[in-house]
Amino acid sequence: NTIEFTGALHATIVKQVRLKNPSNNTLAYNAVLVGRDADDFSLPKGNTVAIPALRQGFVTVEFTIRFLRPAEAVLILTSNKIDGIDGATLTFSLKSEVKNIEPLSMIKCRSPCYEL
């Protein structure tokens, strides 16, 4: 699965990964970001999530587009044993794309085009 972060240069994009727990036991996951641009992605709500039985949980991933080139990383979710149950290890590819460039600020100046 690929999660795409698309937006303007310097924009901060937040995505949530929804995790469903179909079992009758609580599942817990640790999230880790790895890869070339992993430092540009963050987990603002922490790197652990507990999902109650037959419910769903969310992992929030945040990214600020700093460069024109696409950024790539991998989100790995590994299970912690709770109630003696292990969940499957999950991986998601994270990719960014700059859709437009907006100036941070504008400066107006006047100057003669030509002087003798």
Protein backbone atom coordinates (compact mmCIF):
# COMPACT_ATOMS: atom_id res chain seq x y z
CA ASN A 1 0.00 0.00 0.00
CA THR A 2 1.19 3.50 -0.86
CA ILE A 3 0.25 6.66 0.99
CA GLU A 4 0.73 9.79 -1.13
CA PHE A 5 1.48 13.21 0.32
CA THR A 6 0.70 15.75 -2.39
CA GLY A 7 0.53 19.51 -2.02
CA ALA A 8 2.32 22.81 -2.42
CA LEU A 9 5.99 23.33 -1.63
CA HIS A 10 6.43 24.04 2.13
CA ALA A 11 2.94 22.72 2.93
CA THR A 12 2.43 20.36 5.86
CA ILE A 13 0.29 17.35 5.04
CA VAL A 14 -1.23 15.05 7.65
CA LYS A 15 -2.53 11.57 6.82
CA GLN A 16 -4.11 8.95 9.03
CA VAL A 17 -3.64 5.22 8.53
CA ARG A 18 -6.71 3.33 9.71
CA LEU A 19 -6.07 -0.04 11.31
CA LYS A 20 -8.96 -2.45 11.89
CA ASN A 21 -8.92 -5.15 14.54
CA PRO A 22 -11.23 -8.04 13.55
CA SER A 23 -10.19 -10.19 16.53
CA ASN A 24 -11.72 -10.46 19.98
CA ASN A 25 -8.45 -9.36 21.62
CA THR A 26 -6.72 -5.99 21.90
CA LEU A 27 -3.88 -5.44 19.41
CA ALA A 28 -0.99 -3.01 19.86
CA TYR A 29 1.47 -1.76 17.25
CA ASN A 30 4.77 0.11 17.28
CA ALA A 31 5.31 2.41 14.29
CA VAL A 32 8.76 3.04 12.78
CA LEU A 33 9.72 5.25 9.83
CA VAL A 34 12.68 4.04 7.74
CA GLY A 35 14.19 4.95 4.39
CA ARG A 36 16.00 7.69 2.53
CA ASP A 37 13.72 10.54 3.66
CA ALA A 38 12.38 9.06 6.91
CA ASP A 39 13.59 12.10 8.89
CA ASP A 40 11.19 14.34 6.93
CA PHE A 41 8.16 12.31 8.06
CA SER A 42 6.94 12.28 11.66
CA LEU A 43 4.45 10.55 13.94
CA PRO A 44 3.02 13.52 15.89
CA LYS A 45 0.69 11.44 18.08
CA GLY A 46 3.39 8.98 19.07
CA ASN A 47 4.67 5.72 17.67
CA THR A 48 2.36 3.31 19.51
CA VAL A 49 -1.30 2.53 18.99
CA ALA A 50 -3.61 0.12 20.82
CA ILE A 51 -6.67 -1.16 18.99
CA PRO A 52 -9.48 -2.57 21.15
CA ALA A 53 -11.24 -5.78 20.10
CA LEU A 54 -13.47 -5.41 17.03
CA ARG A 55 -12.63 -1.69 16.77
CA GLN A 56 -10.26 0.47 14.75
CA GLY A 57 -7.30 2.69 15.54
CA PHE A 58 -5.33 5.35 13.69
CA VAL A 59 -1.66 6.15 13.15
CA THR A 60 -1.08 9.79 12.18
CA VAL A 61 1.78 10.58 9.78
CA GLU A 62 2.87 14.17 9.11
CA PHE A 63 5.08 15.46 6.31
CA THR A 64 6.30 18.95 5.34
CA ILE A 65 7.30 19.26 1.69
CA ARG A 66 10.76 20.87 1.73
CA PHE A 67 12.18 19.87 -1.65
CA LEU A 68 10.96 19.64 -5.24
CA ARG A 69 12.15 16.06 -5.60
CA PRO A 70 9.82 13.31 -4.39
CA ALA A 71 10.46 12.08 -0.85
CA GLU A 72 10.21 8.37 -0.02
CA ALA A 73 10.06 6.40 3.21
CA VAL A 74 8.44 3.28 4.64
CA LEU A 75 6.11 3.07 7.62
CA ILE A 76 6.51 -0.27 9.43
CA LEU A 77 3.98 -1.35 12.05
CA THR A 78 5.09 -4.23 14.25
CA SER A 79 2.81 -5.93 16.72
CA ASN A 80 3.25 -5.97 20.49
CA LYS A 81 1.84 -8.95 22.35
CA ILE A 82 -1.21 -8.03 24.38
CA ASP A 83 -3.46 -10.82 25.67
CA GLY A 84 -0.97 -13.27 24.09
CA ILE A 85 -2.03 -12.27 20.56
CA ASP A 86 0.35 -11.10 17.82
CA GLY A 87 -0.92 -9.06 14.89
CA ALA A 88 0.58 -9.14 11.40
CA THR A 89 3.45 -6.80 10.58
CA LEU A 90 2.21 -4.06 8.25
CA THR A 91 4.20 -1.89 5.84
CA PHE A 92 3.19 1.21 3.93
CA SER A 93 5.16 3.09 1.31
CA LEU A 94 5.17 6.88 1.85
CA LYS A 95 5.73 9.12 -1.19
CA SER A 96 5.46 12.86 -1.76
CA GLU A 97 4.79 14.97 -4.82
CA VAL A 98 4.86 18.75 -5.25
CA LYS A 99 1.72 19.88 -7.08
CA ASN A 100 2.39 23.62 -7.11
CA ILE A 101 4.77 26.26 -5.82
CA GLU A 102 3.46 29.29 -3.99
CA PRO A 103 5.77 32.10 -2.86
CA LEU A 104 6.36 32.49 0.86
CA SER A 105 6.41 36.26 0.48
CA MET A 106 6.63 38.96 -2.18
CA ILE A 107 8.80 42.04 -2.29
CA LYS A 108 7.91 45.12 -4.36
CA CYS A 109 10.67 47.43 -5.40
CA ARG A 110 11.08 50.35 -7.82
CA SER A 111 14.17 50.98 -9.79
CA PRO A 112 14.96 52.91 -12.95
CA CYS A 113 15.55 50.62 -15.89
CA TYR A 114 18.32 52.78 -17.30
CA GLU A 115 20.43 55.75 -16.20
CA LEU A 116 23.11 57.64 -18.09
